[in-house]
Amino acid sequence: MGSNDFQGTRAKLDRAEQHLDELRAQLKIGWEKHLYGISTYDDLGSHETIVTLLKPKSIFSSYSVIAGEIVHQTRSALEHVIWQMLPNPNKSSGFPVFTLEHKDPANPKKGYYEGQGLKMIEDINPAAQTLIRSVQPFATGTDHRLNLLHEMWNWDKHRLLNMMVIYPQAISPFYRYLSDNHISILPTIAVPEIDDGAEIARVPHPHDFVPGKVQMEAEVGIAIRFADAGPAVGESPEEFLANLLKLTRDIVGRLIKTI
């Protein structure tokens, strides 16, 4: 094989890494610019601070598209490495991912490794074949990452890997006096399940409130999680996708070493 062998595979993984860095950066920017979380403004007519919830769908749709790119490039790298390793790849060639090793009599239509799986890597070297079998979902016990990657890849072909903000049950607001940085702690505010931009509380101004000199702030511990995203529901996107990418780099590296 020439010096450029597996260049495409490595390029796929590098692009997935770039998208992961992009996702991290976008999530950080979103937080720093208060694109999600809570928002406050002063109603001088009613002498109250209005607290609203921020979870814009447009922002999270863009995050979801980036997550899909990470999954696509990562899973595609496994396809590329198989095609580059096979002497004569065909339309059936690819990286097999199966939860069943043998045919299930109770579910004969479900794919299984000894059937379709082996055909996908026909003529690959024996060491690679042993390695591929060892990382199959049916062989890895409690480690389901490869199967999760495969299912998310299929999910993203038809639907976004949607994300959402998980809010705490309550937030802890306080008024800050900018002249001396003094704070006045307020009662906690419950956070109901409501839509983006909805009002969650009205807090009376303190008696010595002066616009521009006293402002409300709040300690809010929120998290970003996959929502409607197939098998990834409830997972932290950054950690979860980084873990899948790490797994794939490891498999690809080990496969190349079998040459």
C-alpha atoms as a PDB file:
ATOM      1  CA  MET A   1       0.000   0.000   0.000  1.00  0.00           C
ATOM      2  CA  GLY A   2       1.155   3.507  -0.755  1.00  0.00           C
ATOM      3  CA  SER A   3       2.000   6.313   1.611  1.00  0.00           C
ATOM      4  CA  ASN A   4      -1.483   7.823   1.193  1.00  0.00           C
ATOM      5  CA  ASP A   5      -3.305   4.704   2.367  1.00  0.00           C
ATOM      6  CA  PHE A   6      -6.101   5.473   4.876  1.00  0.00           C
ATOM      7  CA  GLN A   7      -5.788   9.205   4.210  1.00  0.00           C
ATOM      8  CA  GLY A   8      -9.551   9.391   3.639  1.00  0.00           C
ATOM      9  CA  THR A   9     -10.285   7.495   6.853  1.00  0.00           C
ATOM     10  CA  ARG A  10      -8.061   9.769   8.910  1.00  0.00           C
ATOM     11  CA  ALA A  11      -9.546  12.843   7.220  1.00  0.00           C
ATOM     12  CA  LYS A  12     -13.027  11.712   8.277  1.00  0.00           C
ATOM     13  CA  LEU A  13     -11.928  11.371  11.899  1.00  0.00           C
ATOM     14  CA  ASP A  14     -10.125  14.714  11.832  1.00  0.00           C
ATOM     15  CA  ARG A  15     -13.244  16.398  10.441  1.00  0.00           C
ATOM     16  CA  ALA A  16     -15.335  14.823  13.209  1.00  0.00           C
ATOM     17  CA  GLU A  17     -12.854  16.272  15.726  1.00  0.00           C
ATOM     18  CA  GLN A  18     -13.192  19.703  14.113  1.00  0.00           C
ATOM     19  CA  HIS A  19     -16.973  19.517  14.350  1.00  0.00           C
ATOM     20  CA  LEU A  20     -16.696  18.486  18.009  1.00  0.00           C
ATOM     21  CA  ASP A  21     -14.519  21.528  18.713  1.00  0.00           C
ATOM     22  CA  GLU A  22     -17.084  23.649  16.858  1.00  0.00           C
ATOM     23  CA  LEU A  23     -19.921  22.262  18.980  1.00  0.00           C
ATOM     24  CA  ARG A  24     -18.016  22.958  22.199  1.00  0.00           C
ATOM     25  CA  ALA A  25     -17.299  26.498  21.052  1.00  0.00           C
ATOM     26  CA  GLN A  26     -20.909  27.161  20.016  1.00  0.00           C
ATOM     27  CA  LEU A  27     -22.281  25.870  23.316  1.00  0.00           C
ATOM     28  CA  LYS A  28     -19.836  28.090  25.203  1.00  0.00           C
ATOM     29  CA  ILE A  29     -20.711  31.146  23.101  1.00  0.00           C
ATOM     30  CA  GLY A  30     -24.406  30.461  23.598  1.00  0.00           C
ATOM     31  CA  TRP A  31     -23.972  30.457  27.350  1.00  0.00           C
ATOM     32  CA  GLU A  32     -21.708  33.501  27.474  1.00  0.00           C
ATOM     33  CA  LYS A  33     -24.046  35.518  25.242  1.00  0.00           C
ATOM     34  CA  HIS A  34     -27.098  34.376  27.235  1.00  0.00           C
ATOM     35  CA  LEU A  35     -28.689  32.737  24.207  1.00  0.00           C
ATOM     36  CA  TYR A  36     -30.098  30.131  26.585  1.00  0.00           C
ATOM     37  CA  GLY A  37     -30.683  30.124  30.324  1.00  0.00           C
ATOM     38  CA  ILE A  38     -32.702  32.933  31.872  1.00  0.00           C
ATOM     39  CA  SER A  39     -33.216  36.564  30.974  1.00  0.00           C
ATOM     40  CA  THR A  40     -34.264  39.478  33.180  1.00  0.00           C
ATOM     41  CA  TYR A  41     -35.522  42.972  32.489  1.00  0.00           C
ATOM     42  CA  ASP A  42     -36.922  45.710  34.686  1.00  0.00           C
ATOM     43  CA  ASP A  43     -40.518  46.841  34.384  1.00  0.00           C
ATOM     44  CA  LEU A  44     -40.317  50.354  35.792  1.00  0.00           C
ATOM     45  CA  GLY A  45     -44.059  50.752  35.595  1.00  0.00           C
ATOM     46  CA  SER A  46     -44.842  47.858  37.927  1.00  0.00           C
ATOM     47  CA  HIS A  47     -41.549  48.186  39.835  1.00  0.00           C
ATOM     48  CA  GLU A  48     -40.657  44.561  39.179  1.00  0.00           C
ATOM     49  CA  THR A  49     -37.924  42.515  37.554  1.00  0.00           C
ATOM     50  CA  ILE A  50     -39.374  40.108  34.989  1.00  0.00           C
ATOM     51  CA  VAL A  51     -37.635  36.733  34.729  1.00  0.00           C
ATOM     52  CA  THR A  52     -38.064  34.747  31.493  1.00  0.00           C
ATOM     53  CA  LEU A  53     -36.824  31.412  30.247  1.00  0.00           C
ATOM     54  CA  LEU A  54     -34.546  31.127  27.210  1.00  0.00           C
ATOM     55  CA  LYS A  55     -34.397  27.902  25.191  1.00  0.00           C
ATOM     56  CA  PRO A  56     -34.743  28.942  21.524  1.00  0.00           C
ATOM     57  CA  LYS A  57     -35.378  26.055  19.140  1.00  0.00           C
ATOM     58  CA  SER A  58     -33.408  27.697  16.325  1.00  0.00           C
ATOM     59  CA  ILE A  59     -30.216  27.740  18.392  1.00  0.00           C
ATOM     60  CA  PHE A  60     -30.541  24.125  19.426  1.00  0.00           C
ATOM     61  CA  SER A  61     -31.384  23.026  15.897  1.00  0.00           C
ATOM     62  CA  SER A  62     -28.014  24.414  14.781  1.00  0.00           C
ATOM     63  CA  TYR A  63     -26.282  22.533  17.591  1.00  0.00           C
ATOM     64  CA  SER A  64     -28.101  19.358  16.521  1.00  0.00           C
ATOM     65  CA  VAL A  65     -26.872  19.700  12.933  1.00  0.00           C
ATOM     66  CA  ILE A  66     -23.272  19.893  14.165  1.00  0.00           C
ATOM     67  CA  ALA A  67     -23.833  16.798  16.325  1.00  0.00           C
ATOM     68  CA  GLY A  68     -25.119  14.970  13.249  1.00  0.00           C
ATOM     69  CA  GLU A  69     -21.970  15.908  11.339  1.00  0.00           C
ATOM     70  CA  ILE A  70     -19.829  14.454  14.128  1.00  0.00           C
ATOM     71  CA  VAL A  71     -21.771  11.189  14.089  1.00  0.00           C
ATOM     72  CA  HIS A  72     -21.716  10.970  10.286  1.00  0.00           C
ATOM     73  CA  GLN A  73     -17.976  11.557   9.906  1.00  0.00           C
ATOM     74  CA  THR A  74     -17.156   9.222  12.785  1.00  0.00           C
ATOM     75  CA  ARG A  75     -19.287   6.322  11.542  1.00  0.00           C
ATOM     76  CA  SER A  76     -18.226   6.898   7.923  1.00  0.00           C
ATOM     77  CA  ALA A  77     -14.578   6.482   8.936  1.00  0.00           C
ATOM     78  CA  LEU A  78     -15.322   2.843   9.778  1.00  0.00           C
ATOM     79  CA  GLU A  79     -16.793   2.318   6.316  1.00  0.00           C
ATOM     80  CA  HIS A  80     -13.766   3.929   4.694  1.00  0.00           C
ATOM     81  CA  VAL A  81     -11.234   1.820   6.564  1.00  0.00           C
ATOM     82  CA  ILE A  82     -12.976  -1.418   5.512  1.00  0.00           C
ATOM     83  CA  TRP A  83     -13.103  -0.387   1.863  1.00  0.00           C
ATOM     84  CA  GLN A  84      -9.411   0.469   1.948  1.00  0.00           C
ATOM     85  CA  MET A  85      -8.514  -2.838   3.571  1.00  0.00           C
ATOM     86  CA  LEU A  86     -10.470  -5.135   1.245  1.00  0.00           C
ATOM     87  CA  PRO A  87      -8.746  -6.303  -1.943  1.00  0.00           C
ATOM     88  CA  ASN A  88     -11.993  -6.129  -3.963  1.00  0.00           C
ATOM     89  CA  PRO A  89     -14.728  -4.207  -2.124  1.00  0.00           C
ATOM     90  CA  ASN A  90     -18.274  -4.268  -3.505  1.00  0.00           C
ATOM     91  CA  LYS A  91     -21.630  -2.637  -2.752  1.00  0.00           C
ATOM     92  CA  SER A  92     -22.136  -5.005   0.207  1.00  0.00           C
ATOM     93  CA  SER A  93     -18.787  -4.139   1.799  1.00  0.00           C
ATOM     94  CA  GLY A  94     -18.673  -2.095   4.975  1.00  0.00           C
ATOM     95  CA  PHE A  95     -18.103  -2.174   8.699  1.00  0.00           C
ATOM     96  CA  PRO A  96     -20.618  -4.563  10.272  1.00  0.00           C
ATOM     97  CA  VAL A  97     -22.420  -3.664  13.491  1.00  0.00           C
ATOM     98  CA  PHE A  98     -24.716  -6.381  14.845  1.00  0.00           C
ATOM     99  CA  THR A  99     -26.334  -7.119  18.180  1.00  0.00           C
ATOM    100  CA  LEU A 100     -26.878 -10.763  17.180  1.00  0.00           C
ATOM    101  CA  GLU A 101     -24.086 -13.187  16.390  1.00  0.00           C
ATOM    102  CA  HIS A 102     -26.359 -15.972  15.125  1.00  0.00           C
ATOM    103  CA  LYS A 103     -29.793 -16.089  13.541  1.00  0.00           C
ATOM    104  CA  ASP A 104     -32.636 -15.675  15.987  1.00  0.00           C
ATOM    105  CA  PRO A 105     -35.373 -18.282  15.244  1.00  0.00           C
ATOM    106  CA  ALA A 106     -37.893 -16.083  17.036  1.00  0.00           C
ATOM    107  CA  ASN A 107     -36.990 -13.124  14.810  1.00  0.00           C
ATOM    108  CA  PRO A 108     -35.676 -14.591  11.526  1.00  0.00           C
ATOM    109  CA  LYS A 109     -35.798 -11.255   9.666  1.00  0.00           C
ATOM    110  CA  LYS A 110     -33.371  -9.551  12.048  1.00  0.00           C
ATOM    111  CA  GLY A 111     -29.821  -9.274  10.722  1.00  0.00           C
ATOM    112  CA  TYR A 112     -27.012 -11.223  12.367  1.00  0.00           C
ATOM    113  CA  TYR A 113     -23.233 -11.230  12.192  1.00  0.00           C
ATOM    114  CA  GLU A 114     -22.675 -14.799  10.946  1.00  0.00           C
ATOM    115  CA  GLY A 115     -24.950 -14.010   8.017  1.00  0.00           C
ATOM    116  CA  GLN A 116     -24.815 -10.475   6.637  1.00  0.00           C
ATOM    117  CA  GLY A 117     -21.951  -9.339   8.853  1.00  0.00           C
ATOM    118  CA  LEU A 118     -19.292 -11.675   7.515  1.00  0.00           C
ATOM    119  CA  LYS A 119     -20.307 -10.910   3.919  1.00  0.00           C
ATOM    120  CA  MET A 120     -19.537  -7.237   4.556  1.00  0.00           C
ATOM    121  CA  ILE A 121     -15.886  -8.019   5.350  1.00  0.00           C
ATOM    122  CA  GLU A 122     -15.372 -11.000   3.060  1.00  0.00           C
ATOM    123  CA  ASP A 123     -11.669 -11.482   2.154  1.00  0.00           C
ATOM    124  CA  ILE A 124     -10.384  -9.148   4.872  1.00  0.00           C
ATOM    125  CA  ASN A 125      -7.265 -10.434   6.646  1.00  0.00           C
ATOM    126  CA  PRO A 126      -7.869 -12.890   9.545  1.00  0.00           C
ATOM    127  CA  ALA A 127      -6.474 -10.587  12.237  1.00  0.00           C
ATOM    128  CA  ALA A 128      -8.822  -7.788  11.178  1.00  0.00           C
ATOM    129  CA  GLN A 129     -11.757 -10.174  11.076  1.00  0.00           C
ATOM    130  CA  THR A 130     -10.983 -11.307  14.650  1.00  0.00           C
ATOM    131  CA  LEU A 131     -10.762  -7.702  15.798  1.00  0.00           C
ATOM    132  CA  ILE A 132     -14.030  -6.705  14.123  1.00  0.00           C
ATOM    133  CA  ARG A 133     -15.842  -9.605  15.763  1.00  0.00           C
ATOM    134  CA  SER A 134     -14.405  -8.659  19.164  1.00  0.00           C
ATOM    135  CA  VAL A 135     -15.893  -5.135  19.056  1.00  0.00           C
ATOM    136  CA  GLN A 136     -19.377  -6.215  17.961  1.00  0.00           C
ATOM    137  CA  PRO A 137     -22.211  -5.305  20.352  1.00  0.00           C
ATOM    138  CA  PHE A 138     -22.972  -8.989  20.940  1.00  0.00           C
ATOM    139  CA  ALA A 139     -19.370  -9.525  22.117  1.00  0.00           C
ATOM    140  CA  THR A 140     -18.672  -6.462  24.266  1.00  0.00           C
ATOM    141  CA  GLY A 141     -20.933  -7.062  27.250  1.00  0.00           C
ATOM    142  CA  THR A 142     -21.938  -3.746  28.782  1.00  0.00           C
ATOM    143  CA  ASP A 143     -20.012  -1.583  26.294  1.00  0.00           C
ATOM    144  CA  HIS A 144     -22.685  -0.549  23.784  1.00  0.00           C
ATOM    145  CA  ARG A 145     -20.893   2.459  22.295  1.00  0.00           C
ATOM    146  CA  LEU A 146     -20.415   1.015  18.806  1.00  0.00           C
ATOM    147  CA  ASN A 147     -24.074   0.107  18.562  1.00  0.00           C
ATOM    148  CA  LEU A 148     -25.049   3.574  19.825  1.00  0.00           C
ATOM    149  CA  LEU A 149     -22.884   5.182  17.149  1.00  0.00           C
ATOM    150  CA  HIS A 150     -24.467   2.998  14.478  1.00  0.00           C
ATOM    151  CA  GLU A 151     -28.028   3.725  15.633  1.00  0.00           C
ATOM    152  CA  MET A 152     -27.378   7.460  15.863  1.00  0.00           C
ATOM    153  CA  TRP A 153     -25.928   7.385  12.347  1.00  0.00           C
ATOM    154  CA  ASN A 154     -29.167   5.851  11.070  1.00  0.00           C
ATOM    155  CA  TRP A 155     -31.280   8.228  13.175  1.00  0.00           C
ATOM    156  CA  ASP A 156     -29.551  11.328  11.803  1.00  0.00           C
ATOM    157  CA  LYS A 157     -30.272  10.284   8.232  1.00  0.00           C
ATOM    158  CA  HIS A 158     -33.940  11.035   8.829  1.00  0.00           C
ATOM    159  CA  ARG A 159     -34.199  13.235  11.950  1.00  0.00           C
ATOM    160  CA  LEU A 160     -32.119  15.731  13.899  1.00  0.00           C
ATOM    161  CA  LEU A 161     -30.218  14.613  16.976  1.00  0.00           C
ATOM    162  CA  ASN A 162     -32.178  17.131  19.005  1.00  0.00           C
ATOM    163  CA  MET A 163     -30.789  18.775  22.126  1.00  0.00           C
ATOM    164  CA  MET A 164     -32.435  20.689  24.930  1.00  0.00           C
ATOM    165  CA  VAL A 165     -31.612  22.634  28.068  1.00  0.00           C
ATOM    166  CA  ILE A 166     -32.226  20.845  31.339  1.00  0.00           C
ATOM    167  CA  TYR A 167     -33.130  23.413  33.986  1.00  0.00           C
ATOM    168  CA  PRO A 168     -32.975  22.939  37.743  1.00  0.00           C
ATOM    169  CA  GLN A 169     -36.231  22.804  39.679  1.00  0.00           C
ATOM    170  CA  ALA A 170     -35.455  26.234  41.084  1.00  0.00           C
ATOM    171  CA  ILE A 171     -33.039  29.141  40.605  1.00  0.00           C
ATOM    172  CA  SER A 172     -31.480  31.360  43.260  1.00  0.00           C
ATOM    173  CA  PRO A 173     -31.879  35.050  42.344  1.00  0.00           C
ATOM    174  CA  PHE A 174     -30.346  38.083  44.038  1.00  0.00           C
ATOM    175  CA  TYR A 175     -30.096  41.834  43.519  1.00  0.00           C
ATOM    176  CA  ARG A 176     -26.582  43.200  43.089  1.00  0.00           C
ATOM    177  CA  TYR A 177     -25.749  46.802  44.054  1.00  0.00           C
ATOM    178  CA  LEU A 178     -23.109  47.822  41.545  1.00  0.00           C
ATOM    179  CA  SER A 179     -21.690  50.671  43.627  1.00  0.00           C
ATOM    180  CA  ASP A 180     -20.199  48.380  46.286  1.00  0.00           C
ATOM    181  CA  ASN A 181     -20.992  44.886  44.877  1.00  0.00           C
ATOM    182  CA  HIS A 182     -23.330  44.245  47.792  1.00  0.00           C
ATOM    183  CA  ILE A 183     -25.962  41.556  47.148  1.00  0.00           C
ATOM    184  CA  SER A 184     -29.438  41.022  48.524  1.00  0.00           C
ATOM    185  CA  ILE A 185     -30.494  37.375  48.348  1.00  0.00           C
ATOM    186  CA  LEU A 186     -34.065  36.659  47.219  1.00  0.00           C
ATOM    187  CA  PRO A 187     -36.341  33.609  47.652  1.00  0.00           C
ATOM    188  CA  THR A 188     -35.772  30.801  45.185  1.00  0.00           C
ATOM    189  CA  ILE A 189     -37.891  30.733  42.024  1.00  0.00           C
ATOM    190  CA  ALA A 190     -39.440  27.508  40.766  1.00  0.00           C
ATOM    191  CA  VAL A 191     -38.803  26.742  37.089  1.00  0.00           C
ATOM    192  CA  PRO A 192     -41.856  25.174  35.428  1.00  0.00           C
ATOM    193  CA  GLU A 193     -41.931  23.308  32.102  1.00  0.00           C
ATOM    194  CA  ILE A 194     -42.691  26.212  29.759  1.00  0.00           C
ATOM    195  CA  ASP A 195     -41.704  27.407  26.310  1.00  0.00           C
ATOM    196  CA  ASP A 196     -38.923  29.699  25.221  1.00  0.00           C
ATOM    197  CA  GLY A 197     -39.438  33.317  26.231  1.00  0.00           C
ATOM    198  CA  ALA A 198     -42.170  32.512  28.737  1.00  0.00           C
ATOM    199  CA  GLU A 199     -42.307  34.484  31.959  1.00  0.00           C
ATOM    200  CA  ILE A 200     -41.467  32.443  35.048  1.00  0.00           C
ATOM    201  CA  ALA A 201     -41.518  35.122  37.759  1.00  0.00           C
ATOM    202  CA  ARG A 202     -42.030  38.764  38.681  1.00  0.00           C
ATOM    203  CA  VAL A 203     -39.824  39.948  41.529  1.00  0.00           C
ATOM    204  CA  PRO A 204     -40.620  43.262  43.289  1.00  0.00           C
ATOM    205  CA  HIS A 205     -37.850  45.846  43.200  1.00  0.00           C
ATOM    206  CA  PRO A 206     -36.173  46.641  46.528  1.00  0.00           C
ATOM    207  CA  HIS A 207     -37.155  49.978  48.058  1.00  0.00           C
ATOM    208  CA  ASP A 208     -33.782  51.496  47.121  1.00  0.00           C
ATOM    209  CA  PHE A 209     -33.830  50.257  43.517  1.00  0.00           C
ATOM    210  CA  VAL A 210     -32.139  52.589  41.019  1.00  0.00           C
ATOM    211  CA  PRO A 211     -32.086  51.625  37.310  1.00  0.00           C
ATOM    212  CA  GLY A 212     -28.549  50.976  36.126  1.00  0.00           C
ATOM    213  CA  LYS A 213     -27.217  50.763  39.674  1.00  0.00           C
ATOM    214  CA  VAL A 214     -29.093  47.737  40.983  1.00  0.00           C
ATOM    215  CA  GLN A 215     -29.567  44.635  38.859  1.00  0.00           C
ATOM    216  CA  MET A 216     -30.935  41.151  39.313  1.00  0.00           C
ATOM    217  CA  GLU A 217     -28.665  38.166  38.795  1.00  0.00           C
ATOM    218  CA  ALA A 218     -29.175  34.480  39.474  1.00  0.00           C
ATOM    219  CA  GLU A 219     -27.190  31.311  40.020  1.00  0.00           C
ATOM    220  CA  VAL A 220     -28.462  28.795  37.500  1.00  0.00           C
ATOM    221  CA  GLY A 221     -27.011  25.323  37.128  1.00  0.00           C
ATOM    222  CA  ILE A 222     -28.220  24.052  33.767  1.00  0.00           C
ATOM    223  CA  ALA A 223     -27.139  21.235  31.479  1.00  0.00           C
ATOM    224  CA  ILE A 224     -27.383  20.495  27.758  1.00  0.00           C
ATOM    225  CA  ARG A 225     -28.654  17.009  26.961  1.00  0.00           C
ATOM    226  CA  PHE A 226     -29.799  15.060  23.930  1.00  0.00           C
ATOM    227  CA  ALA A 227     -33.602  15.027  23.850  1.00  0.00           C
ATOM    228  CA  ASP A 228     -35.232  13.451  20.789  1.00  0.00           C
ATOM    229  CA  ALA A 229     -32.060  11.700  19.617  1.00  0.00           C
ATOM    230  CA  GLY A 230     -32.700   7.975  19.536  1.00  0.00           C
ATOM    231  CA  PRO A 231     -30.379   6.007  21.824  1.00  0.00           C
ATOM    232  CA  ALA A 232     -28.555   9.126  23.021  1.00  0.00           C
ATOM    233  CA  VAL A 233     -31.509  10.578  24.949  1.00  0.00           C
ATOM    234  CA  GLY A 234     -30.351  12.062  28.252  1.00  0.00           C
ATOM    235  CA  GLU A 235     -26.651  12.060  27.352  1.00  0.00           C
ATOM    236  CA  SER A 236     -24.343  15.077  27.476  1.00  0.00           C
ATOM    237  CA  PRO A 237     -23.521  15.822  23.791  1.00  0.00           C
ATOM    238  CA  GLU A 238     -19.910  16.880  24.295  1.00  0.00           C
ATOM    239  CA  GLU A 239     -18.886  13.950  26.484  1.00  0.00           C
ATOM    240  CA  PHE A 240     -20.961  11.384  24.624  1.00  0.00           C
ATOM    241  CA  LEU A 241     -19.745  12.296  21.137  1.00  0.00           C
ATOM    242  CA  ALA A 242     -16.128  12.607  22.293  1.00  0.00           C
ATOM    243  CA  ASN A 243     -16.382   9.084  23.707  1.00  0.00           C
ATOM    244  CA  LEU A 244     -17.731   7.695  20.418  1.00  0.00           C
ATOM    245  CA  LEU A 245     -14.976   9.423  18.466  1.00  0.00           C
ATOM    246  CA  LYS A 246     -12.312   8.068  20.807  1.00  0.00           C
ATOM    247  CA  LEU A 247     -13.696   4.531  20.410  1.00  0.00           C
ATOM    248  CA  THR A 248     -13.682   4.828  16.628  1.00  0.00           C
ATOM    249  CA  ARG A 249     -10.126   6.165  16.489  1.00  0.00           C
ATOM    250  CA  ASP A 250      -9.046   3.198  18.576  1.00  0.00           C
ATOM    251  CA  ILE A 251     -10.790   0.654  16.314  1.00  0.00           C
ATOM    252  CA  VAL A 252      -9.416   2.260  13.150  1.00  0.00           C
ATOM    253  CA  GLY A 253      -5.890   2.383  14.552  1.00  0.00           C
ATOM    254  CA  ARG A 254      -5.999  -1.262  15.591  1.00  0.00           C
ATOM    255  CA  LEU A 255      -7.379  -2.326  12.206  1.00  0.00           C
ATOM    256  CA  ILE A 256      -4.619  -0.531  10.322  1.00  0.00           C
ATOM    257  CA  LYS A 257      -2.029  -2.319  12.447  1.00  0.00           C
ATOM    258  CA  THR A 258      -3.334  -5.696  11.204  1.00  0.00           C
ATOM    259  CA  ILE A 259      -2.100  -4.944   7.670  1.00  0.00           C
END
